[in-house]
C-alpha atoms as a PDB file:
ATOM      1  CA  UNK A   1      -7.790   4.184 -10.262  1.00  0.00           C
ATOM      2  CA  UNK A   2      -9.835   5.601  -8.241  1.00  0.00           C
ATOM      3  CA  UNK A   3     -12.365   7.400  -9.584  1.00  0.00           C
ATOM      4  CA  UNK A   4     -13.865   9.940  -7.497  1.00  0.00           C
ATOM      5  CA  UNK A   5     -18.085   9.897  -8.785  1.00  0.00           C
ATOM      6  CA  UNK A   6     -18.009   5.714  -7.775  1.00  0.00           C
ATOM      7  CA  UNK A   7     -16.328   6.668  -4.469  1.00  0.00           C
ATOM      8  CA  UNK A   8     -18.416   8.989  -3.679  1.00  0.00           C
ATOM      9  CA  UNK A   9     -21.731   6.664  -4.643  1.00  0.00           C
ATOM     10  CA  UNK A  10     -20.002   3.873  -3.075  1.00  0.00           C
ATOM     11  CA  UNK A  11     -19.671   5.552  -0.060  1.00  0.00           C
ATOM     12  CA  UNK A  12     -23.528   6.331  -0.111  1.00  0.00           C
ATOM     13  CA  UNK A  13     -24.589   2.384  -0.659  1.00  0.00           C
ATOM     14  CA  UNK A  14     -22.442   1.441   1.884  1.00  0.00           C
ATOM     15  CA  UNK A  15     -23.047   3.635   4.811  1.00  0.00           C
ATOM     16  CA  UNK A  16     -27.325   2.328   3.602  1.00  0.00           C
ATOM     17  CA  UNK A  17     -25.671  -1.147   3.956  1.00  0.00           C
ATOM     18  CA  UNK A  18     -23.843  -0.210   7.271  1.00  0.00           C
ATOM     19  CA  UNK A  19     -20.909  -1.466   6.365  1.00  0.00           C
ATOM     20  CA  UNK A  20     -19.327   2.269   7.380  1.00  0.00           C
ATOM     21  CA  UNK A  21     -21.116   4.912   9.929  1.00  0.00           C
ATOM     22  CA  UNK A  22     -21.362   8.332   9.710  1.00  0.00           C
ATOM     23  CA  UNK A  23     -18.374   8.462  12.152  1.00  0.00           C
ATOM     24  CA  UNK A  24     -16.206   6.722   9.668  1.00  0.00           C
ATOM     25  CA  UNK A  25     -16.353   9.231   7.105  1.00  0.00           C
ATOM     26  CA  UNK A  26     -16.682  12.789   8.854  1.00  0.00           C
ATOM     27  CA  UNK A  27     -15.182  15.640  11.074  1.00  0.00           C
ATOM     28  CA  UNK A  28     -12.086  13.459  11.660  1.00  0.00           C
ATOM     29  CA  UNK A  29     -11.669  13.042   8.133  1.00  0.00           C
ATOM     30  CA  UNK A  30     -10.797  17.118   7.619  1.00  0.00           C
ATOM     31  CA  UNK A  31      -7.173  17.353   6.461  1.00  0.00           C
ATOM     32  CA  UNK A  32      -6.324  14.068   6.677  1.00  0.00           C
ATOM     33  CA  UNK A  33      -6.250  12.813  10.341  1.00  0.00           C
ATOM     34  CA  UNK A  34      -6.990   9.488  10.330  1.00  0.00           C
ATOM     35  CA  UNK A  35      -8.879   7.540  13.380  1.00  0.00           C
ATOM     36  CA  UNK A  36      -7.042   5.483  16.213  1.00  0.00           C
ATOM     37  CA  UNK A  37      -6.462   2.195  15.067  1.00  0.00           C
ATOM     38  CA  UNK A  38      -6.986  -0.762  16.872  1.00  0.00           C
ATOM     39  CA  UNK A  39      -3.575  -1.040  19.353  1.00  0.00           C
ATOM     40  CA  UNK A  40      -1.093  -3.988  18.578  1.00  0.00           C
ATOM     41  CA  UNK A  41      -0.829  -7.591  21.382  1.00  0.00           C
ATOM     42  CA  UNK A  42       2.780  -6.878  22.373  1.00  0.00           C
ATOM     43  CA  UNK A  43       3.306  -4.215  20.281  1.00  0.00           C
ATOM     44  CA  UNK A  44       7.123  -3.346  20.570  1.00  0.00           C
ATOM     45  CA  UNK A  45       8.998  -0.135  21.061  1.00  0.00           C
ATOM     46  CA  UNK A  46       9.445   1.751  18.320  1.00  0.00           C
ATOM     47  CA  UNK A  47      11.681   5.185  16.897  1.00  0.00           C
ATOM     48  CA  UNK A  48      10.364   6.846  14.435  1.00  0.00           C
ATOM     49  CA  UNK A  49      11.435   9.489  12.020  1.00  0.00           C
ATOM     50  CA  UNK A  50      11.604  11.903   8.443  1.00  0.00           C
ATOM     51  CA  UNK A  51      14.204  10.872   6.593  1.00  0.00           C
ATOM     52  CA  UNK A  52      15.166  11.713   2.658  1.00  0.00           C
ATOM     53  CA  UNK A  53      15.885   9.377   0.642  1.00  0.00           C
ATOM     54  CA  UNK A  54      18.167  10.049  -2.513  1.00  0.00           C
ATOM     55  CA  UNK A  55      17.024   9.013  -5.689  1.00  0.00           C
ATOM     56  CA  UNK A  56      17.894   9.214  -9.763  1.00  0.00           C
ATOM     57  CA  UNK A  57      15.939  11.825 -10.130  1.00  0.00           C
ATOM     58  CA  UNK A  58      16.244  13.515  -6.959  1.00  0.00           C
ATOM     59  CA  UNK A  59      15.041  13.650  -3.333  1.00  0.00           C
ATOM     60  CA  UNK A  60      12.152  11.626  -1.292  1.00  0.00           C
ATOM     61  CA  UNK A  61      10.411  12.507   1.550  1.00  0.00           C
ATOM     62  CA  UNK A  62      10.148   9.828   3.555  1.00  0.00           C
ATOM     63  CA  UNK A  63       9.235   8.517   7.098  1.00  0.00           C
ATOM     64  CA  UNK A  64      10.640   5.969   8.464  1.00  0.00           C
ATOM     65  CA  UNK A  65       9.518   3.871  11.811  1.00  0.00           C
ATOM     66  CA  UNK A  66      11.251   0.676  13.064  1.00  0.00           C
ATOM     67  CA  UNK A  67      11.698  -1.689  17.061  1.00  0.00           C
ATOM     68  CA  UNK A  68      13.619   0.742  18.983  1.00  0.00           C
ATOM     69  CA  UNK A  69      16.867  -2.591  19.447  1.00  0.00           C
ATOM     70  CA  UNK A  70      17.871  -5.078  16.988  1.00  0.00           C
ATOM     71  CA  UNK A  71      16.809  -5.857  13.329  1.00  0.00           C
ATOM     72  CA  UNK A  72      13.916  -6.514  11.653  1.00  0.00           C
ATOM     73  CA  UNK A  73      12.795  -6.938   8.066  1.00  0.00           C
ATOM     74  CA  UNK A  74      12.500  -4.646   5.733  1.00  0.00           C
ATOM     75  CA  UNK A  75       9.026  -3.317   4.457  1.00  0.00           C
ATOM     76  CA  UNK A  76       8.310  -0.427   1.675  1.00  0.00           C
ATOM     77  CA  UNK A  77       5.193   1.252   1.611  1.00  0.00           C
ATOM     78  CA  UNK A  78       2.948   2.797  -1.353  1.00  0.00           C
ATOM     79  CA  UNK A  79       0.476   5.343  -0.070  1.00  0.00           C
ATOM     80  CA  UNK A  80      -2.124   5.457  -1.885  1.00  0.00           C
ATOM     81  CA  UNK A  81      -3.436   8.588  -4.474  1.00  0.00           C
ATOM     82  CA  UNK A  82      -3.687  10.989  -1.666  1.00  0.00           C
ATOM     83  CA  UNK A  83      -0.282  10.538  -0.827  1.00  0.00           C
ATOM     84  CA  UNK A  84       2.125  10.406   2.327  1.00  0.00           C
ATOM     85  CA  UNK A  85      -0.098  11.883   5.731  1.00  0.00           C
ATOM     86  CA  UNK A  86      -1.565  10.910   9.253  1.00  0.00           C
ATOM     87  CA  UNK A  87      -2.864   7.938   8.471  1.00  0.00           C
ATOM     88  CA  UNK A  88      -0.120   6.435   6.104  1.00  0.00           C
ATOM     89  CA  UNK A  89       2.269   6.931   8.987  1.00  0.00           C
ATOM     90  CA  UNK A  90      -0.233   5.494  11.717  1.00  0.00           C
ATOM     91  CA  UNK A  91      -0.491   2.150   9.560  1.00  0.00           C
ATOM     92  CA  UNK A  92       3.767   2.222   9.356  1.00  0.00           C
ATOM     93  CA  UNK A  93       3.829   2.502  12.823  1.00  0.00           C
ATOM     94  CA  UNK A  94       2.109   0.085  13.638  1.00  0.00           C
ATOM     95  CA  UNK A  95       3.654  -2.519  11.429  1.00  0.00           C
ATOM     96  CA  UNK A  96       6.469  -1.830  12.803  1.00  0.00           C
ATOM     97  CA  UNK A  97       5.215  -2.302  16.390  1.00  0.00           C
ATOM     98  CA  UNK A  98       4.968  -5.895  14.709  1.00  0.00           C
ATOM     99  CA  UNK A  99       8.009  -6.475  14.134  1.00  0.00           C
ATOM    100  CA  UNK A 100       8.659  -4.702  10.948  1.00  0.00           C
ATOM    101  CA  UNK A 101      11.675  -1.738   9.719  1.00  0.00           C
ATOM    102  CA  UNK A 102       9.122   0.443   7.208  1.00  0.00           C
ATOM    103  CA  UNK A 103       9.273   2.680   5.560  1.00  0.00           C
ATOM    104  CA  UNK A 104       6.481   4.965   4.367  1.00  0.00           C
ATOM    105  CA  UNK A 105       7.556   7.093   1.142  1.00  0.00           C
ATOM    106  CA  UNK A 106       5.851  10.328  -0.639  1.00  0.00           C
ATOM    107  CA  UNK A 107       5.320   9.046  -3.955  1.00  0.00           C
ATOM    108  CA  UNK A 108       5.172  12.297  -5.531  1.00  0.00           C
ATOM    109  CA  UNK A 109       8.540  14.082  -4.293  1.00  0.00           C
ATOM    110  CA  UNK A 110       9.430  14.782  -7.761  1.00  0.00           C
ATOM    111  CA  UNK A 111       6.716  17.917  -7.333  1.00  0.00           C
ATOM    112  CA  UNK A 112       5.952  18.215  -3.950  1.00  0.00           C
ATOM    113  CA  UNK A 113       6.572  17.293  -0.413  1.00  0.00           C
ATOM    114  CA  UNK A 114       4.944  16.305   1.896  1.00  0.00           C
ATOM    115  CA  UNK A 115       1.242  16.599   2.766  1.00  0.00           C
ATOM    116  CA  UNK A 116       0.281  16.601  -1.057  1.00  0.00           C
ATOM    117  CA  UNK A 117      -2.849  16.542  -0.572  1.00  0.00           C
ATOM    118  CA  UNK A 118      -4.683  19.619   0.669  1.00  0.00           C
ATOM    119  CA  UNK A 119      -7.841  18.295   2.672  1.00  0.00           C
ATOM    120  CA  UNK A 120      -6.254  14.640   3.243  1.00  0.00           C
ATOM    121  CA  UNK A 121      -8.246  11.415   2.246  1.00  0.00           C
ATOM    122  CA  UNK A 122     -10.877  14.184   1.844  1.00  0.00           C
ATOM    123  CA  UNK A 123      -9.897  15.953  -1.357  1.00  0.00           C
ATOM    124  CA  UNK A 124     -11.295  15.337  -4.763  1.00  0.00           C
ATOM    125  CA  UNK A 125      -8.990  12.736  -6.906  1.00  0.00           C
ATOM    126  CA  UNK A 126      -9.511  15.376  -9.932  1.00  0.00           C
ATOM    127  CA  UNK A 127      -6.766  17.659  -7.868  1.00  0.00           C
ATOM    128  CA  UNK A 128      -4.648  14.343  -7.499  1.00  0.00           C
ATOM    129  CA  UNK A 129      -4.698  13.298 -11.048  1.00  0.00           C
ATOM    130  CA  UNK A 130      -1.637  15.798 -12.209  1.00  0.00           C
ATOM    131  CA  UNK A 131       0.488  14.004  -9.606  1.00  0.00           C
ATOM    132  CA  UNK A 132      -0.556  10.452 -10.016  1.00  0.00           C
ATOM    133  CA  UNK A 133      -0.131  11.134 -13.591  1.00  0.00           C
ATOM    134  CA  UNK A 134       3.799  12.443 -13.566  1.00  0.00           C
ATOM    135  CA  UNK A 135       4.345   8.575 -12.658  1.00  0.00           C
ATOM    136  CA  UNK A 136       4.898   5.575 -14.631  1.00  0.00           C
ATOM    137  CA  UNK A 137       6.599   2.236 -14.950  1.00  0.00           C
ATOM    138  CA  UNK A 138      10.311   3.837 -15.077  1.00  0.00           C
ATOM    139  CA  UNK A 139       9.962   6.194 -12.008  1.00  0.00           C
ATOM    140  CA  UNK A 140       8.096   3.684 -10.654  1.00  0.00           C
ATOM    141  CA  UNK A 141      10.862   1.082 -10.661  1.00  0.00           C
ATOM    142  CA  UNK A 142      13.558   3.621 -10.237  1.00  0.00           C
ATOM    143  CA  UNK A 143      12.408   4.707  -7.085  1.00  0.00           C
ATOM    144  CA  UNK A 144      11.544   0.747  -5.669  1.00  0.00           C
ATOM    145  CA  UNK A 145      15.040   0.066  -6.614  1.00  0.00           C
ATOM    146  CA  UNK A 146      16.858   3.190  -4.416  1.00  0.00           C
ATOM    147  CA  UNK A 147      14.148   2.786  -1.753  1.00  0.00           C
ATOM    148  CA  UNK A 148      15.657  -0.247  -1.465  1.00  0.00           C
ATOM    149  CA  UNK A 149      18.464   0.371  -1.422  1.00  0.00           C
ATOM    150  CA  UNK A 150      17.895   2.739   1.118  1.00  0.00           C
ATOM    151  CA  UNK A 151      16.107  -0.069   3.598  1.00  0.00           C
ATOM    152  CA  UNK A 152      19.529  -2.163   3.008  1.00  0.00           C
ATOM    153  CA  UNK A 153      21.940   0.678   4.304  1.00  0.00           C
ATOM    154  CA  UNK A 154      19.533   0.764   7.848  1.00  0.00           C
ATOM    155  CA  UNK A 155      21.277  -0.901  10.677  1.00  0.00           C
ATOM    156  CA  UNK A 156      17.884  -1.686  11.768  1.00  0.00           C
ATOM    157  CA  UNK A 157      17.066  -3.684   8.486  1.00  0.00           C
ATOM    158  CA  UNK A 158      17.611  -7.480   8.561  1.00  0.00           C
ATOM    159  CA  UNK A 159      19.722  -8.207   5.420  1.00  0.00           C
ATOM    160  CA  UNK A 160      19.019 -12.109   5.817  1.00  0.00           C
ATOM    161  CA  UNK A 161      15.668 -11.653   5.642  1.00  0.00           C
ATOM    162  CA  UNK A 162      13.812 -10.811   2.913  1.00  0.00           C
ATOM    163  CA  UNK A 163      11.988  -7.433   2.073  1.00  0.00           C
ATOM    164  CA  UNK A 164       8.721  -7.026   1.797  1.00  0.00           C
ATOM    165  CA  UNK A 165       6.430  -4.224   0.178  1.00  0.00           C
ATOM    166  CA  UNK A 166       2.579  -3.503   0.082  1.00  0.00           C
ATOM    167  CA  UNK A 167       0.600  -1.117  -1.589  1.00  0.00           C
ATOM    168  CA  UNK A 168      -2.965   1.083  -1.465  1.00  0.00           C
ATOM    169  CA  UNK A 169      -4.777   1.491  -4.541  1.00  0.00           C
ATOM    170  CA  UNK A 170      -2.483   2.870  -6.957  1.00  0.00           C
ATOM    171  CA  UNK A 171       0.366   2.220  -4.944  1.00  0.00           C
ATOM    172  CA  UNK A 172      -0.812  -1.852  -5.597  1.00  0.00           C
ATOM    173  CA  UNK A 173       0.898  -1.911  -9.256  1.00  0.00           C
ATOM    174  CA  UNK A 174       4.116  -0.164  -7.915  1.00  0.00           C
ATOM    175  CA  UNK A 175       4.278  -3.110  -5.422  1.00  0.00           C
ATOM    176  CA  UNK A 176       4.013  -5.127  -8.476  1.00  0.00           C
ATOM    177  CA  UNK A 177       7.356  -3.988  -9.901  1.00  0.00           C
ATOM    178  CA  UNK A 178       9.031  -3.256  -7.111  1.00  0.00           C
ATOM    179  CA  UNK A 179       8.826  -7.218  -6.502  1.00  0.00           C
ATOM    180  CA  UNK A 180       9.473  -7.206 -10.207  1.00  0.00           C
ATOM    181  CA  UNK A 181      12.418  -5.435  -9.908  1.00  0.00           C
ATOM    182  CA  UNK A 182      14.800  -6.539  -7.227  1.00  0.00           C
ATOM    183  CA  UNK A 183      13.491 -10.708  -7.177  1.00  0.00           C
ATOM    184  CA  UNK A 184      16.318 -11.998  -5.479  1.00  0.00           C
ATOM    185  CA  UNK A 185      15.372  -9.172  -2.729  1.00  0.00           C
ATOM    186  CA  UNK A 186      11.645  -9.035  -1.970  1.00  0.00           C
ATOM    187  CA  UNK A 187      10.045 -11.988  -0.640  1.00  0.00           C
ATOM    188  CA  UNK A 188       6.024 -10.588  -0.549  1.00  0.00           C
ATOM    189  CA  UNK A 189       3.968  -8.280  -2.061  1.00  0.00           C
ATOM    190  CA  UNK A 190       1.061  -7.269  -0.873  1.00  0.00           C
ATOM    191  CA  UNK A 191      -2.213  -5.001  -3.004  1.00  0.00           C
ATOM    192  CA  UNK A 192      -4.989  -3.598  -1.162  1.00  0.00           C
ATOM    193  CA  UNK A 193      -7.862  -2.230  -3.855  1.00  0.00           C
ATOM    194  CA  UNK A 194      -5.006  -1.546  -5.842  1.00  0.00           C
ATOM    195  CA  UNK A 195      -6.245  -0.084  -9.224  1.00  0.00           C
ATOM    196  CA  UNK A 196      -4.614  -1.379 -12.525  1.00  0.00           C
ATOM    197  CA  UNK A 197      -2.819  -4.218 -12.036  1.00  0.00           C
ATOM    198  CA  UNK A 198      -4.411  -5.845 -15.186  1.00  0.00           C
ATOM    199  CA  UNK A 199      -4.095  -4.136 -18.629  1.00  0.00           C
ATOM    200  CA  UNK A 200      -3.909  -4.963 -22.211  1.00  0.00           C
ATOM    201  CA  UNK A 201       0.154  -4.692 -22.269  1.00  0.00           C
ATOM    202  CA  UNK A 202       2.857  -6.351 -22.656  1.00  0.00           C
ATOM    203  CA  UNK A 203       4.530  -4.772 -19.839  1.00  0.00           C
ATOM    204  CA  UNK A 204       0.782  -5.144 -17.616  1.00  0.00           C
ATOM    205  CA  UNK A 205       2.723  -5.149 -13.601  1.00  0.00           C
ATOM    206  CA  UNK A 206       0.883  -8.621 -13.013  1.00  0.00           C
ATOM    207  CA  UNK A 207       3.010  -9.999 -16.208  1.00  0.00           C
ATOM    208  CA  UNK A 208       5.991  -8.474 -14.651  1.00  0.00           C
ATOM    209  CA  UNK A 209       5.475  -9.790 -10.775  1.00  0.00           C
ATOM    210  CA  UNK A 210       4.422 -13.789 -12.404  1.00  0.00           C
ATOM    211  CA  UNK A 211       8.545 -14.106 -12.927  1.00  0.00           C
ATOM    212  CA  UNK A 212       9.387 -12.882  -9.119  1.00  0.00           C
ATOM    213  CA  UNK A 213      10.296 -15.243  -6.182  1.00  0.00           C
ATOM    214  CA  UNK A 214       7.995 -13.151  -4.361  1.00  0.00           C
ATOM    215  CA  UNK A 215       4.317 -14.429  -2.428  1.00  0.00           C
ATOM    216  CA  UNK A 216       1.222 -12.312  -3.230  1.00  0.00           C
ATOM    217  CA  UNK A 217      -1.290 -11.107  -1.198  1.00  0.00           C
ATOM    218  CA  UNK A 218      -3.960  -9.466  -3.708  1.00  0.00           C
ATOM    219  CA  UNK A 219      -6.967  -7.748  -1.399  1.00  0.00           C
ATOM    220  CA  UNK A 220     -10.198  -6.080  -3.873  1.00  0.00           C
ATOM    221  CA  UNK A 221     -12.369  -4.302  -3.439  1.00  0.00           C
ATOM    222  CA  UNK A 222     -16.679  -5.506  -4.003  1.00  0.00           C
ATOM    223  CA  UNK A 223     -16.958  -2.588  -6.181  1.00  0.00           C
ATOM    224  CA  UNK A 224     -13.653  -3.053  -8.882  1.00  0.00           C
ATOM    225  CA  UNK A 225     -15.052  -6.370  -8.319  1.00  0.00           C
ATOM    226  CA  UNK A 226     -18.225  -5.310  -9.886  1.00  0.00           C
ATOM    227  CA  UNK A 227     -16.466  -2.961 -12.459  1.00  0.00           C
ATOM    228  CA  UNK A 228     -13.825  -5.807 -14.289  1.00  0.00           C
ATOM    229  CA  UNK A 229     -15.111  -9.235 -12.952  1.00  0.00           C
ATOM    230  CA  UNK A 230     -12.493 -10.727 -15.092  1.00  0.00           C
ATOM    231  CA  UNK A 231      -9.318  -9.498 -12.800  1.00  0.00           C
ATOM    232  CA  UNK A 232      -9.710 -11.888 -10.661  1.00  0.00           C
ATOM    233  CA  UNK A 233     -10.377 -14.656 -12.848  1.00  0.00           C
ATOM    234  CA  UNK A 234      -6.855 -13.484 -14.429  1.00  0.00           C
ATOM    235  CA  UNK A 235      -4.469 -12.424 -11.831  1.00  0.00           C
ATOM    236  CA  UNK A 236      -5.820 -16.402 -10.294  1.00  0.00           C
ATOM    237  CA  UNK A 237      -4.282 -17.922 -13.970  1.00  0.00           C
ATOM    238  CA  UNK A 238      -1.329 -16.179 -14.426  1.00  0.00           C
ATOM    239  CA  UNK A 239      -0.295 -17.188 -11.364  1.00  0.00           C
ATOM    240  CA  UNK A 240      -1.393 -20.281 -10.949  1.00  0.00           C
ATOM    241  CA  UNK A 241       0.576 -21.275 -14.862  1.00  0.00           C
ATOM    242  CA  UNK A 242       4.092 -18.894 -13.159  1.00  0.00           C
ATOM    243  CA  UNK A 243       3.885 -20.862  -9.305  1.00  0.00           C
ATOM    244  CA  UNK A 244       3.534 -18.133  -7.737  1.00  0.00           C
ATOM    245  CA  UNK A 245       2.295 -17.855  -3.883  1.00  0.00           C
ATOM    246  CA  UNK A 246      -0.675 -16.123  -4.295  1.00  0.00           C
ATOM    247  CA  UNK A 247      -3.702 -15.207  -1.947  1.00  0.00           C
ATOM    248  CA  UNK A 248      -6.365 -13.719  -4.118  1.00  0.00           C
ATOM    249  CA  UNK A 249     -10.063 -12.477  -2.389  1.00  0.00           C
ATOM    250  CA  UNK A 250     -12.600  -9.592  -3.157  1.00  0.00           C
ATOM    251  CA  UNK A 251     -14.105  -8.209   0.157  1.00  0.00           C
ATOM    252  CA  UNK A 252     -17.266  -7.648   0.575  1.00  0.00           C
ATOM    253  CA  UNK A 253     -16.413  -3.183   1.063  1.00  0.00           C
ATOM    254  CA  UNK A 254     -15.632  -0.446  -0.885  1.00  0.00           C
ATOM    255  CA  UNK A 255     -12.946   0.526  -2.479  1.00  0.00           C
ATOM    256  CA  UNK A 256     -10.136   2.063  -0.501  1.00  0.00           C
ATOM    257  CA  UNK A 257     -11.733   0.127   2.683  1.00  0.00           C
ATOM    258  CA  UNK A 258      -8.154   0.249   4.514  1.00  0.00           C
ATOM    259  CA  UNK A 259      -6.639   3.273   5.323  1.00  0.00           C
ATOM    260  CA  UNK A 260      -7.923   4.712   8.654  1.00  0.00           C
ATOM    261  CA  UNK A 261      -9.207   8.161   7.334  1.00  0.00           C
ATOM    262  CA  UNK A 262     -10.927   6.696   3.959  1.00  0.00           C
ATOM    263  CA  UNK A 263     -14.441   7.879   3.458  1.00  0.00           C
ATOM    264  CA  UNK A 264     -15.729   4.678   3.566  1.00  0.00           C
ATOM    265  CA  UNK A 265     -13.077   2.907   5.659  1.00  0.00           C
ATOM    266  CA  UNK A 266     -14.658  -0.387   7.353  1.00  0.00           C
ATOM    267  CA  UNK A 267     -12.477  -1.848  10.486  1.00  0.00           C
ATOM    268  CA  UNK A 268     -13.457  -5.572  10.179  1.00  0.00           C
ATOM    269  CA  UNK A 269     -12.657  -5.049   7.034  1.00  0.00           C
ATOM    270  CA  UNK A 270      -9.668  -3.180   7.863  1.00  0.00           C
ATOM    271  CA  UNK A 271      -8.601  -5.787  10.367  1.00  0.00           C
ATOM    272  CA  UNK A 272      -9.191  -8.571   8.147  1.00  0.00           C
ATOM    273  CA  UNK A 273      -7.387  -7.769   5.932  1.00  0.00           C
ATOM    274  CA  UNK A 274      -4.577  -6.391   8.291  1.00  0.00           C
ATOM    275  CA  UNK A 275      -4.337 -10.087   9.674  1.00  0.00           C
ATOM    276  CA  UNK A 276      -3.689 -11.541   6.703  1.00  0.00           C
ATOM    277  CA  UNK A 277      -0.862  -9.008   5.397  1.00  0.00           C
ATOM    278  CA  UNK A 278       0.575 -10.095   8.372  1.00  0.00           C
ATOM    279  CA  UNK A 279       0.318 -13.698   7.861  1.00  0.00           C
ATOM    280  CA  UNK A 280       2.093 -13.787   4.846  1.00  0.00           C
ATOM    281  CA  UNK A 281       4.766 -10.819   6.156  1.00  0.00           C
ATOM    282  CA  UNK A 282       5.690 -13.515   9.038  1.00  0.00           C
ATOM    283  CA  UNK A 283       5.978 -16.346   6.199  1.00  0.00           C
ATOM    284  CA  UNK A 284       7.131 -15.293   3.254  1.00  0.00           C
ATOM    285  CA  UNK A 285       9.998 -13.095   5.615  1.00  0.00           C
ATOM    286  CA  UNK A 286      11.251 -15.232   8.000  1.00  0.00           C
END
């Protein structure tokens, strides 16, 4: 999980090394205002809307965006601890412009509607920990099933193609549990600077996803790897033994480098991670 003290230290370190700039974490952070992402080459026209999804525990507010015509593979996006906000909507729309029907959910809907972080990605982590701690393996699993069932009800979602899921920070293990909950439906799971992928418990997310049919992409932040250097080796060994295709790479970037409103956003490495995501979906959801 995100840790505010580490977060600030890492931001200062990466700025000093020229890996992020003050422009990238300055005034534009505000209340979650994202920088403009690079345009999609040959982008398709899309339709977007705010939607409500019924779950066993209530109604989840979410953002749904998809190609304006035809059908496309569905994708479920799990945000980081800063929740559903402009940056995540922007990322979802960009993915839809690449040919996917995308739902970006508010994982904290049981507690409050989005926005759930008062200052967007500039919100202190300690303020958001009660929201994070309100979720557990059970809520993640029941939500995953409800969200994918909802996607499958949408006319824009291709029923003959498998679904993808991606998550950031806390959303990383959520993607693993999504794949484990719907093994015959989820074809790809991607974790970007995910926290808690490997635990000592018998239901560790990495052990659950090893039993699925999904192909995996795991992008690890350099500072997370330094704090837990054994984790990537555990992931590689587990997935190799299970015969689960997995691309696992440590990026020379700080935890949180992918969302464009992050204080440590690194455009070059975020684009590399995005290109690997598109390669995964192009292969696993074909």
